[in-house]
Amino acid sequence: MRIWVPLDSAAKALGADAVAEALAREAKARGMDVQIIRNGSRGMVWLEPLVEVDVGEGRVGYGPVTPADVPALLDGRMNSLGPVEDLDWMRRQTRLTFARCGVIDPLDLDDYAALGGLVGLRRAIGLDSAAIVAEVTASGLRGRGGAGFPTGIKWKTVAEARADQKYIVCNADEGDSGTFADRMIMEGDPFTLIEGMAIAGLGVGATRGYVYMRSEYPVAIEVLERAVVIARQRGMLGADVLGSGRAFDMQVRVGAGAYVCGEETSLLNSLEGKRGTVRAKPPLPALEGFLGKPTVVNNVISLATIPVIFERGAQHYADFGLGRSRGTVTLQIAGNVRRGGLFETAFGMSLGEVVNDIGGGTLSGRPVKAVQVGGPLGAYMPVSKFDTAMGYEDFDAAGGLIGHAGLVVFDDSADMLQMARFAMEFCAIESCGKCTPCRIGAVRGVETIDRIAAGDPNAAALLSDLCETMKDGSLCALGGFTPYPVMSALTQFPDDFATLKEAAE
């Protein structure tokens, strides 16, 4: 009997290790021949620990499972969820980047290859640099870390730069609230990231790569480091990638977890052993990045999507999506929501459908008040904007941003003035201190919101003016985007900012 128990951090936090140990202990006591495989998560966090049992014609799911459920599960007395692939959450997705996550043993390269892995890298090996960059450009892939910059243009800049050494740097410093896609793919399908980085190296002429990951991801660090060793042993990395005669190798580097190190120039400073502060641009990292050399800095999901683009072709990927938002978006649904987790779908689904249909509304059962999309620097979207399509341009037109595609749901008990204050306080704490609008502006912002709360009638106008200064004058997105949650709270939920006297009237 083969049984899958997730090693994903969320599943472990909910007791997956204890379930795996109970299964091994009970099976041994019964003399049963049971193989326990630690897989990634399918993304249905409300069902974790989700245990899957191979019944010969597919895998049947059970969840959430506790150690006390194990005897009934092995007896066949526990009620199942049915075939996992037939669950509504799974059937409604278009899984391209996450096609193997939760399906395979994350550290079995043969498992990976049996489900389409390495097909993209082998195809890229047969192409020259220009053809590889052209394929990425034709796919329409845009940076999934938040900026949404066209990946092909970034690669082209690095490919055409002249230098004795170039680098691929993967930004795995996933620090946005309500986001976990990077962690999930690194824990559940690490070889797809390695393959994506190798293709990037071939495409731009880089022979070295680094994954910069935060220390708060110990499981992902362990899985990815073990995967890199296996990839090197099997010839996927090294001086002769899959016998091509071309070189690419990579390392995992662990950062302390400063939020600002998710910004690419701060990340590069930290990677070089310096303090994680923002660099002024230009020069762009694509021309003067890691150690002053041309560097591709891409997010985990961007690089992990590269293999499927080369496996199935750029046009196949570009056929999904909406407008200039091509391909799939990996939605991370969190907060006060009935069904939270990762849901991969083509761009274009409305925000309301994601929250109410996919997510099932609030866990508390109260009406939804707001959804913060794009992490702590994203706007609070009210219910009146629930018809906004999940697309870069559509969200921009609605005064928001998709960012890393994290959604945090709030019910009608949320105090939006306090949420705006939290955004300013977050910026004040996480600011690297390099530029004045962010370093000083965030502190003044907290004070100004406190004045609004105390009933100062002039403070709201001052807050708006301060946000304009931060937006226009900050060096990076931390200071420049903090006004999004603050101003969206102020303009979309004015009642929460009314003075006590106004509220009484």
Protein backbone atom coordinates (compact mmCIF):
# COMPACT_ATOMS: atom_id res chain seq x y z
CA MET A 1 0.00 0.00 0.00
CA ARG A 2 1.31 3.47 -0.91
CA ILE A 3 0.23 6.41 1.24
CA TRP A 4 1.10 10.07 0.67
CA VAL A 5 1.43 12.48 3.62
CA PRO A 6 2.48 16.05 2.83
CA LEU A 7 5.79 17.44 4.04
CA ASP A 8 4.55 20.94 3.19
CA SER A 9 5.08 23.47 5.99
CA ALA A 10 1.37 24.23 6.31
CA ALA A 11 0.52 20.54 6.57
CA LYS A 12 3.31 20.00 9.09
CA ALA A 13 2.01 22.90 11.15
CA LEU A 14 -1.36 21.15 11.21
CA GLY A 15 0.09 17.81 12.35
CA ALA A 16 1.26 15.97 9.22
CA ASP A 17 4.43 14.67 10.89
CA ALA A 18 2.44 13.15 13.74
CA VAL A 19 0.07 11.52 11.24
CA ALA A 20 2.99 10.07 9.25
CA GLU A 21 4.56 8.69 12.43
CA ALA A 22 1.24 7.18 13.54
CA LEU A 23 0.78 5.54 10.14
CA ALA A 24 4.27 4.01 10.23
CA ARG A 25 3.79 2.79 13.81
CA GLU A 26 0.33 1.32 13.24
CA ALA A 27 1.33 -0.35 9.98
CA LYS A 28 4.35 -1.93 11.64
CA ALA A 29 2.23 -3.19 14.55
CA ARG A 30 -0.15 -4.81 12.08
CA GLY A 31 2.60 -6.22 9.88
CA MET A 32 1.29 -4.26 6.90
CA ASP A 33 3.51 -3.45 3.94
CA VAL A 34 2.97 0.31 3.73
CA GLN A 35 5.14 2.79 1.84
CA ILE A 36 4.74 6.33 3.18
CA ILE A 37 5.72 9.04 0.71
CA ARG A 38 6.10 12.64 1.84
CA ASN A 39 4.75 14.77 -0.99
CA GLY A 40 4.02 18.46 -1.46
CA SER A 41 0.63 19.98 -0.77
CA ARG A 42 -2.23 19.96 -3.25
CA GLY A 43 -3.04 23.46 -2.00
CA MET A 44 -6.26 22.67 -0.10
CA VAL A 45 -5.07 23.96 3.24
CA TRP A 46 -8.42 23.50 4.98
CA LEU A 47 -8.09 19.74 4.38
CA GLU A 48 -4.55 19.44 5.70
CA PRO A 49 -3.14 17.07 6.72
CA LEU A 50 -4.56 15.58 3.50
CA VAL A 51 -3.61 11.90 3.34
CA GLU A 52 -3.86 10.13 -0.01
CA VAL A 53 -4.05 6.36 -0.48
CA ASP A 54 -3.25 4.64 -3.77
CA VAL A 55 -6.19 2.36 -4.57
CA GLY A 56 -4.79 1.18 -7.88
CA GLU A 57 -6.96 3.41 -10.05
CA GLY A 58 -5.91 6.72 -8.59
CA ARG A 59 -5.44 8.27 -5.20
CA VAL A 60 -8.26 8.65 -2.70
CA GLY A 61 -8.07 11.52 -0.23
CA TYR A 62 -8.76 11.72 3.49
CA GLY A 63 -8.64 14.93 5.43
CA PRO A 64 -8.07 16.57 7.73
CA VAL A 65 -6.52 13.46 9.31
CA THR A 66 -5.36 13.22 12.92
CA PRO A 67 -3.23 10.47 14.48
CA ALA A 68 -6.41 9.17 16.14
CA ASP A 69 -7.90 8.56 12.68
CA VAL A 70 -5.08 6.27 11.56
CA PRO A 71 -6.55 2.89 12.71
CA ALA A 72 -9.85 3.64 10.94
CA LEU A 73 -7.99 4.80 7.83
CA LEU A 74 -5.97 1.57 7.64
CA ASP A 75 -9.12 -0.50 8.34
CA GLY A 76 -10.94 1.25 5.48
CA ARG A 77 -13.57 2.55 7.92
CA MET A 78 -12.75 6.25 7.56
CA ASN A 79 -14.94 8.27 5.23
CA SER A 80 -12.96 9.44 2.22
CA LEU A 81 -13.17 12.60 0.14
CA GLY A 82 -13.13 10.49 -3.02
CA PRO A 83 -10.52 10.64 -5.79
CA VAL A 84 -8.38 13.72 -5.18
CA GLU A 85 -8.26 14.68 -8.84
CA ASP A 86 -12.08 14.73 -8.91
CA LEU A 87 -12.44 17.21 -6.05
CA ASP A 88 -14.05 20.46 -7.21
CA TRP A 89 -11.02 22.52 -6.12
CA MET A 90 -8.74 20.42 -8.33
CA ARG A 91 -11.04 20.03 -11.35
CA ARG A 92 -11.57 23.78 -11.71
CA GLN A 93 -7.89 24.64 -11.92
CA THR A 94 -5.51 24.97 -14.85
CA ARG A 95 -2.40 23.58 -13.28
CA LEU A 96 0.66 24.36 -15.39
CA THR A 97 3.30 25.57 -12.93
CA PHE A 98 1.89 23.40 -10.12
CA ALA A 99 1.06 20.37 -12.27
CA ARG A 100 3.33 18.04 -10.29
CA CYS A 101 3.09 19.67 -6.85
CA GLY A 102 1.50 17.19 -4.45
CA VAL A 103 1.56 14.48 -7.11
CA ILE A 104 5.20 13.38 -7.04
CA ASP A 105 7.85 12.62 -4.46
CA PRO A 106 9.63 16.02 -4.49
CA LEU A 107 13.09 14.43 -4.35
CA ASP A 108 12.56 11.69 -6.93
CA LEU A 109 14.03 12.95 -10.20
CA ASP A 110 12.64 9.95 -12.07
CA ASP A 111 9.15 10.78 -10.79
CA TYR A 112 9.73 14.33 -12.00
CA ALA A 113 10.90 13.21 -15.45
CA ALA A 114 7.99 10.77 -15.80
CA LEU A 115 5.51 13.67 -15.62
CA GLY A 116 7.07 16.02 -18.16
CA GLY A 117 10.12 17.11 -16.21
CA LEU A 118 13.36 17.82 -18.15
CA VAL A 119 11.50 17.94 -21.50
CA GLY A 120 11.79 21.74 -21.50
CA LEU A 121 15.49 21.74 -20.61
CA ARG A 122 16.30 19.20 -23.32
CA ARG A 123 14.46 21.35 -25.85
CA ALA A 124 16.25 24.51 -24.68
CA ILE A 125 19.61 22.76 -25.06
CA GLY A 126 18.86 22.45 -28.77
CA LEU A 127 18.22 26.19 -29.11
CA ASP A 128 20.60 29.12 -29.20
CA SER A 129 20.37 32.05 -26.80
CA ALA A 130 18.25 34.22 -29.07
CA ALA A 131 15.72 31.42 -29.67
CA ILE A 132 15.40 30.72 -25.94
CA VAL A 133 14.78 34.39 -25.17
CA ALA A 134 12.32 34.63 -28.08
CA GLU A 135 10.34 31.67 -26.71
CA VAL A 136 10.02 33.30 -23.29
CA THR A 137 9.02 36.59 -24.89
CA ALA A 138 6.37 34.90 -27.04
CA SER A 139 4.84 33.21 -24.00
CA GLY A 140 3.93 36.60 -22.55
CA LEU A 141 5.27 35.59 -19.14
CA ARG A 142 5.56 38.52 -16.74
CA GLY A 143 7.34 38.58 -13.41
CA ARG A 144 5.20 36.82 -10.83
CA GLY A 145 6.98 38.42 -7.88
CA GLY A 146 4.83 41.54 -8.04
CA ALA A 147 6.19 43.96 -10.61
CA GLY A 148 4.77 42.11 -13.61
CA PHE A 149 7.72 43.13 -15.81
CA PRO A 150 7.96 41.11 -19.06
CA THR A 151 10.41 38.28 -18.39
CA GLY A 152 11.56 38.04 -22.02
CA ILE A 153 12.68 41.69 -22.10
CA LYS A 154 14.69 41.23 -18.90
CA TRP A 155 16.36 38.09 -20.30
CA LYS A 156 17.10 39.86 -23.61
CA THR A 157 18.86 42.70 -21.79
CA VAL A 158 21.09 40.29 -19.92
CA ALA A 159 21.68 38.09 -22.97
CA GLU A 160 22.90 41.05 -25.02
CA ALA A 161 25.12 42.46 -22.27
CA ARG A 162 28.83 41.82 -22.71
CA ALA A 163 30.55 40.41 -19.61
CA ASP A 164 32.93 37.62 -18.59
CA GLN A 165 30.38 36.35 -16.06
CA LYS A 166 26.60 36.56 -15.75
CA TYR A 167 24.28 35.30 -13.03
CA ILE A 168 20.77 33.99 -12.46
CA VAL A 169 19.37 35.02 -9.09
CA CYS A 170 16.09 33.57 -7.89
CA ASN A 171 14.17 35.77 -5.49
CA ALA A 172 12.73 33.33 -2.96
CA ASP A 173 12.44 35.94 -0.20
CA GLU A 174 8.67 35.50 -0.10
CA GLY A 175 7.56 37.86 2.65
CA ASP A 176 4.14 39.17 1.68
CA SER A 177 1.33 38.42 4.08
CA GLY A 178 -0.98 35.73 2.71
CA THR A 179 1.52 34.40 0.18
CA PHE A 180 2.99 30.93 0.05
CA ALA A 181 3.23 29.89 -3.61
CA ASP A 182 7.04 30.11 -3.70
CA ARG A 183 7.36 27.98 -0.59
CA MET A 184 4.85 25.43 -1.85
CA ILE A 185 6.59 24.86 -5.18
CA MET A 186 10.05 24.65 -3.59
CA GLU A 187 8.78 22.09 -1.08
CA GLY A 188 6.60 20.15 -3.49
CA ASP A 189 8.38 20.29 -6.86
CA PRO A 190 11.90 21.73 -6.42
CA PHE A 191 13.26 20.31 -9.68
CA THR A 192 10.99 22.57 -11.72
CA LEU A 193 12.71 25.62 -10.21
CA ILE A 194 16.14 24.10 -10.84
CA GLU A 195 15.17 23.32 -14.42
CA GLY A 196 13.85 26.85 -14.93
CA MET A 197 17.06 28.37 -13.63
CA ALA A 198 19.14 26.11 -15.88
CA ILE A 199 17.12 27.18 -18.93
CA ALA A 200 17.55 30.82 -17.90
CA GLY A 201 21.30 30.26 -17.64
CA LEU A 202 21.44 28.76 -21.13
CA GLY A 203 19.29 31.59 -22.46
CA VAL A 204 21.37 34.51 -21.23
CA GLY A 205 24.82 32.91 -21.02
CA ALA A 206 25.01 32.63 -17.24
CA THR A 207 26.84 29.72 -15.68
CA ARG A 208 26.08 30.42 -12.03
CA GLY A 209 22.82 30.77 -10.16
CA TYR A 210 21.69 31.52 -6.62
CA VAL A 211 18.40 31.05 -4.82
CA TYR A 212 18.02 33.66 -2.09
CA MET A 213 15.60 32.29 0.48
CA ARG A 214 14.45 33.51 3.87
CA SER A 215 15.42 31.57 6.97
CA GLU A 216 11.76 31.24 7.98
CA TYR A 217 11.42 28.50 5.34
CA PRO A 218 13.45 25.64 6.88
CA VAL A 219 11.55 22.88 5.07
CA ALA A 220 11.91 24.56 1.68
CA ILE A 221 15.62 25.16 2.33
CA GLU A 222 16.20 21.51 3.19
CA VAL A 223 14.19 20.14 0.24
CA LEU A 224 15.74 22.49 -2.30
CA GLU A 225 19.30 21.94 -1.06
CA ARG A 226 18.82 18.16 -1.29
CA ALA A 227 17.30 18.56 -4.76
CA VAL A 228 20.31 20.61 -5.94
CA VAL A 229 22.65 17.83 -4.79
CA ILE A 230 20.58 15.20 -6.62
CA ALA A 231 20.41 17.36 -9.75
CA ARG A 232 24.17 17.77 -9.69
CA GLN A 233 24.72 14.02 -9.20
CA ARG A 234 22.38 13.20 -12.11
CA GLY A 235 23.95 15.69 -14.54
CA MET A 236 21.11 18.21 -14.52
CA LEU A 237 23.55 20.77 -13.12
CA GLY A 238 27.29 21.13 -13.45
CA ALA A 239 29.90 21.56 -16.15
CA ASP A 240 27.99 19.48 -18.71
CA VAL A 241 24.21 20.01 -18.30
CA LEU A 242 22.47 16.82 -19.55
CA GLY A 243 25.48 16.11 -21.77
CA SER A 244 25.12 19.38 -23.66
CA GLY A 245 28.65 20.59 -23.09
CA ARG A 246 27.20 23.71 -21.53
CA ALA A 247 27.64 24.62 -17.87
CA PHE A 248 25.25 25.79 -15.19
CA ASP A 249 25.37 25.28 -11.45
CA MET A 250 23.58 26.86 -8.51
CA GLN A 251 23.50 27.29 -4.74
CA VAL A 252 20.92 28.10 -2.10
CA ARG A 253 21.70 31.14 0.06
CA VAL A 254 19.69 31.89 3.21
CA GLY A 255 18.80 35.43 4.29
CA ALA A 256 17.68 36.56 7.72
CA GLY A 257 14.19 37.46 6.54
CA ALA A 258 14.08 41.25 6.18
CA TYR A 259 11.01 42.21 4.14
CA VAL A 260 12.96 44.75 2.09
CA CYS A 261 15.27 41.99 0.84
CA GLY A 262 12.42 40.93 -1.42
CA GLU A 263 13.29 44.05 -3.41
CA GLU A 264 15.81 42.96 -6.00
CA THR A 265 18.63 45.42 -5.28
CA SER A 266 18.40 44.90 -1.51
CA LEU A 267 18.47 41.18 -2.19
CA LEU A 268 21.62 41.56 -4.28
CA ASN A 269 23.31 43.56 -1.53
CA SER A 270 22.40 40.90 1.03
CA LEU A 271 23.58 38.15 -1.33
CA GLU A 272 26.93 39.93 -1.56
CA GLY A 273 27.19 39.94 2.22
CA LYS A 274 26.26 43.58 2.63
CA ARG A 275 23.45 45.20 4.55
CA GLY A 276 20.13 44.75 2.75
CA THR A 277 19.50 48.30 1.57
CA VAL A 278 18.02 49.48 -1.70
CA ARG A 279 20.29 50.56 -4.55
CA ALA A 280 19.36 53.52 -6.72
CA LYS A 281 18.50 52.58 -10.31
CA PRO A 282 20.04 52.93 -12.87
CA PRO A 283 22.14 50.93 -13.28
CA LEU A 284 19.66 48.11 -13.68
CA PRO A 285 20.57 44.72 -12.18
CA ALA A 286 20.24 43.30 -15.70
CA LEU A 287 23.42 45.25 -16.55
CA GLU A 288 25.14 45.66 -13.17
CA GLY A 289 23.63 43.21 -10.72
CA PHE A 290 25.27 40.57 -8.51
CA LEU A 291 28.94 41.52 -7.99
CA GLY A 292 28.46 44.20 -10.65
CA LYS A 293 27.77 41.67 -13.41
CA PRO A 294 24.67 41.30 -15.65
CA THR A 295 22.09 39.42 -13.63
CA VAL A 296 18.63 38.01 -14.20
CA VAL A 297 16.63 38.45 -11.00
CA ASN A 298 13.39 36.52 -11.24
CA ASN A 299 10.86 35.32 -8.71
CA VAL A 300 10.43 31.60 -7.89
CA ILE A 301 7.11 31.23 -9.74
CA SER A 302 8.46 33.02 -12.82
CA LEU A 303 11.41 30.62 -13.07
CA ALA A 304 9.36 27.56 -12.09
CA THR A 305 6.98 28.34 -14.98
CA ILE A 306 9.77 28.34 -17.58
CA PRO A 307 9.95 24.50 -17.93
CA VAL A 308 6.28 24.12 -18.89
CA ILE A 309 6.64 26.92 -21.46
CA PHE A 310 9.46 25.00 -23.16
CA GLU A 311 7.72 21.65 -22.68
CA ARG A 312 4.42 22.65 -24.27
CA GLY A 313 5.46 25.68 -26.31
CA ALA A 314 5.10 29.42 -25.82
CA GLN A 315 1.82 29.59 -27.70
CA HIS A 316 0.22 26.95 -25.48
CA TYR A 317 1.02 29.09 -22.45
CA ALA A 318 0.05 32.36 -24.11
CA ASP A 319 -3.35 30.91 -25.10
CA PHE A 320 -4.41 31.24 -21.45
CA GLY A 321 -5.12 34.60 -19.90
CA LEU A 322 -6.61 38.00 -20.45
CA GLY A 323 -5.26 40.97 -22.45
CA ARG A 324 -1.57 41.42 -21.66
CA SER A 325 -1.87 39.12 -18.63
CA ARG A 326 -0.99 35.82 -20.29
CA GLY A 327 -0.81 32.33 -18.84
CA THR A 328 -1.90 31.33 -15.37
CA VAL A 329 -1.91 33.09 -12.03
CA THR A 330 -1.19 31.21 -8.82
CA LEU A 331 -3.77 32.64 -6.42
CA GLN A 332 -3.03 32.30 -2.73
CA ILE A 333 -6.28 32.65 -0.80
CA ALA A 334 -5.93 33.38 2.91
CA GLY A 335 -7.31 35.33 5.84
CA ASN A 336 -10.87 35.00 7.11
CA VAL A 337 -11.96 32.57 4.39
CA ARG A 338 -13.73 29.21 4.45
CA ARG A 339 -11.47 27.48 1.90
CA GLY A 340 -7.96 28.86 1.84
CA GLY A 341 -5.11 27.58 -0.27
CA LEU A 342 -3.41 27.74 -3.63
CA PHE A 343 -5.54 27.87 -6.77
CA GLU A 344 -3.87 28.09 -10.20
CA THR A 345 -6.05 29.38 -13.01
CA ALA A 346 -5.87 31.45 -16.15
CA PHE A 347 -5.91 35.22 -15.68
CA GLY A 348 -9.43 36.62 -16.03
CA MET A 349 -11.48 35.20 -13.17
CA SER A 350 -13.26 37.95 -11.23
CA LEU A 351 -12.20 38.84 -7.69
CA GLY A 352 -15.69 38.08 -6.43
CA GLU A 353 -15.62 34.60 -7.93
CA VAL A 354 -12.28 33.90 -6.27
CA VAL A 355 -13.46 35.04 -2.84
CA ASN A 356 -17.05 33.82 -2.77
CA ASP A 357 -17.07 30.84 -5.11
CA ILE A 358 -13.58 29.37 -4.85
CA GLY A 359 -12.86 30.54 -1.30
CA GLY A 360 -16.41 30.00 -0.08
CA GLY A 361 -16.76 33.40 1.63
CA THR A 362 -15.65 34.13 5.15
CA LEU A 363 -14.90 31.46 7.72
CA SER A 364 -16.76 33.53 10.33
CA GLY A 365 -19.91 33.49 8.20
CA ARG A 366 -20.12 37.29 8.35
CA PRO A 367 -20.25 39.41 5.17
CA VAL A 368 -16.99 40.12 3.37
CA LYS A 369 -15.84 43.69 3.94
CA ALA A 370 -12.56 43.86 2.04
CA VAL A 371 -9.87 41.80 0.37
CA GLN A 372 -6.28 42.90 0.38
CA VAL A 373 -4.71 41.75 -2.87
CA GLY A 374 -0.95 41.82 -3.45
CA GLY A 375 0.47 41.53 0.05
CA PRO A 376 0.86 44.21 2.74
CA LEU A 377 1.44 46.87 0.06
CA GLY A 378 -1.70 45.96 -1.88
CA ALA A 379 -4.95 47.90 -1.91
CA TYR A 380 -8.01 46.90 0.12
CA MET A 381 -10.62 46.03 -2.47
CA PRO A 382 -14.25 46.59 -1.33
CA VAL A 383 -17.13 44.34 -2.40
CA SER A 384 -18.18 47.00 -4.92
CA LYS A 385 -15.04 46.14 -6.91
CA PHE A 386 -15.57 42.38 -6.90
CA ASP A 387 -16.23 42.39 -10.64
CA THR A 388 -12.58 43.31 -11.26
CA ALA A 389 -10.91 40.63 -13.35
CA MET A 390 -7.69 39.08 -12.08
CA GLY A 391 -5.31 40.75 -14.53
CA TYR A 392 -2.49 43.28 -14.18
CA GLU A 393 -4.20 46.04 -16.19
CA ASP A 394 -7.65 45.40 -14.74
CA PHE A 395 -6.41 45.74 -11.18
CA ASP A 396 -4.38 48.81 -12.05
CA ALA A 397 -7.50 50.43 -13.50
CA ALA A 398 -9.39 49.61 -10.29
CA GLY A 399 -6.75 51.25 -8.12
CA GLY A 400 -5.09 48.04 -7.00
CA LEU A 401 -2.32 45.67 -7.92
CA ILE A 402 -2.05 41.91 -8.17
CA GLY A 403 1.48 41.73 -6.84
CA HIS A 404 2.39 38.15 -5.91
CA ALA A 405 -1.30 37.19 -6.17
CA GLY A 406 -1.93 36.79 -2.47
CA LEU A 407 -5.45 37.55 -1.24
CA VAL A 408 -6.29 38.18 2.42
CA VAL A 409 -10.03 38.26 3.17
CA PHE A 410 -11.60 40.37 5.96
CA ASP A 411 -15.17 40.26 7.24
CA ASP A 412 -17.28 43.25 8.29
CA SER A 413 -15.78 43.35 11.77
CA ALA A 414 -12.45 44.64 10.41
CA ASP A 415 -11.51 48.20 11.42
CA MET A 416 -9.99 49.70 8.28
CA LEU A 417 -8.44 52.64 10.11
CA GLN A 418 -6.45 50.16 12.15
CA MET A 419 -5.52 48.26 8.97
CA ALA A 420 -4.23 51.50 7.42
CA ARG A 421 -2.24 52.17 10.58
CA PHE A 422 -0.82 48.65 10.38
CA ALA A 423 0.37 49.33 6.81
CA MET A 424 2.24 52.46 7.87
CA GLU A 425 3.66 50.76 10.96
CA PHE A 426 4.78 47.79 8.85
CA CYS A 427 6.61 50.17 6.50
CA ALA A 428 8.22 52.01 9.41
CA ILE A 429 9.50 48.76 10.91
CA GLU A 430 10.67 47.17 7.66
CA SER A 431 12.14 50.27 5.99
CA CYS A 432 15.82 49.87 5.17
CA GLY A 433 16.28 53.56 5.96
CA LYS A 434 17.90 54.48 2.66
CA CYS A 435 15.39 57.12 1.54
CA THR A 436 13.65 59.80 3.58
CA PRO A 437 10.06 59.47 2.24
CA CYS A 438 9.93 55.86 3.41
CA ARG A 439 12.04 56.11 6.59
CA ILE A 440 10.44 59.28 7.98
CA GLY A 441 7.16 59.26 6.06
CA ALA A 442 5.99 55.95 7.50
CA VAL A 443 6.59 57.13 11.07
CA ARG A 444 4.73 60.38 10.40
CA GLY A 445 2.01 58.31 8.74
CA VAL A 446 1.37 56.29 11.91
CA GLU A 447 1.20 59.52 13.90
CA THR A 448 -1.20 61.12 11.42
CA ILE A 449 -3.56 58.14 11.45
CA ASP A 450 -3.54 58.28 15.24
CA ARG A 451 -4.57 61.95 14.92
CA ILE A 452 -7.49 60.93 12.70
CA ALA A 453 -8.51 58.35 15.27
CA ALA A 454 -8.34 61.04 17.96
CA GLY A 455 -10.74 63.24 15.97
CA ASP A 456 -8.37 65.75 14.28
CA PRO A 457 -10.44 67.01 11.29
CA ASN A 458 -7.37 68.19 9.35
CA ALA A 459 -5.35 65.00 9.58
CA ALA A 460 -7.00 63.15 6.65
CA ALA A 461 -5.84 65.78 4.13
CA LEU A 462 -2.36 65.66 5.62
CA LEU A 463 -2.32 61.87 5.30
CA SER A 464 -3.26 62.12 1.61
CA ASP A 465 -0.46 64.63 1.00
CA LEU A 466 2.04 62.43 2.85
CA CYS A 467 1.04 59.40 0.78
CA GLU A 468 1.63 61.34 -2.44
CA THR A 469 5.13 62.23 -1.25
CA MET A 470 5.92 58.63 -0.32
CA LYS A 471 4.52 57.36 -3.62
CA ASP A 472 6.54 59.76 -5.76
CA GLY A 473 9.72 60.05 -3.70
CA SER A 474 10.54 56.59 -2.36
CA LEU A 475 13.38 54.60 -3.88
CA CYS A 476 11.54 51.26 -3.96
CA ALA A 477 8.10 49.71 -3.71
CA LEU A 478 8.11 49.47 0.10
CA GLY A 479 7.72 53.21 0.54
CA GLY A 480 6.18 53.78 -2.87
CA PHE A 481 3.36 51.24 -2.51
CA THR A 482 2.48 51.63 1.18
CA PRO A 483 0.04 54.39 0.15
CA TYR A 484 -2.02 51.73 -1.69
CA PRO A 485 -3.46 50.06 1.44
CA VAL A 486 -3.59 53.35 3.34
CA MET A 487 -5.40 55.40 0.70
CA SER A 488 -7.68 52.54 -0.37
CA ALA A 489 -8.79 52.14 3.25
CA LEU A 490 -9.30 55.89 3.59
CA THR A 491 -11.24 56.35 0.35
CA GLN A 492 -13.19 53.08 0.20
CA PHE A 493 -14.14 52.86 3.89
CA PRO A 494 -14.55 56.52 5.01
CA ASP A 495 -16.91 55.59 7.85
CA ASP A 496 -14.05 53.84 9.62
CA PHE A 497 -12.09 57.13 9.56
CA ALA A 498 -14.93 59.31 10.80
CA THR A 499 -14.36 61.09 14.09
CA LEU A 500 -16.43 60.00 17.06
CA LYS A 501 -18.52 63.15 16.69
CA GLU A 502 -19.18 62.47 13.01
CA ALA A 503 -20.05 58.86 13.73
CA ALA A 504 -22.53 59.93 16.40
CA GLU A 505 -24.16 62.38 13.98
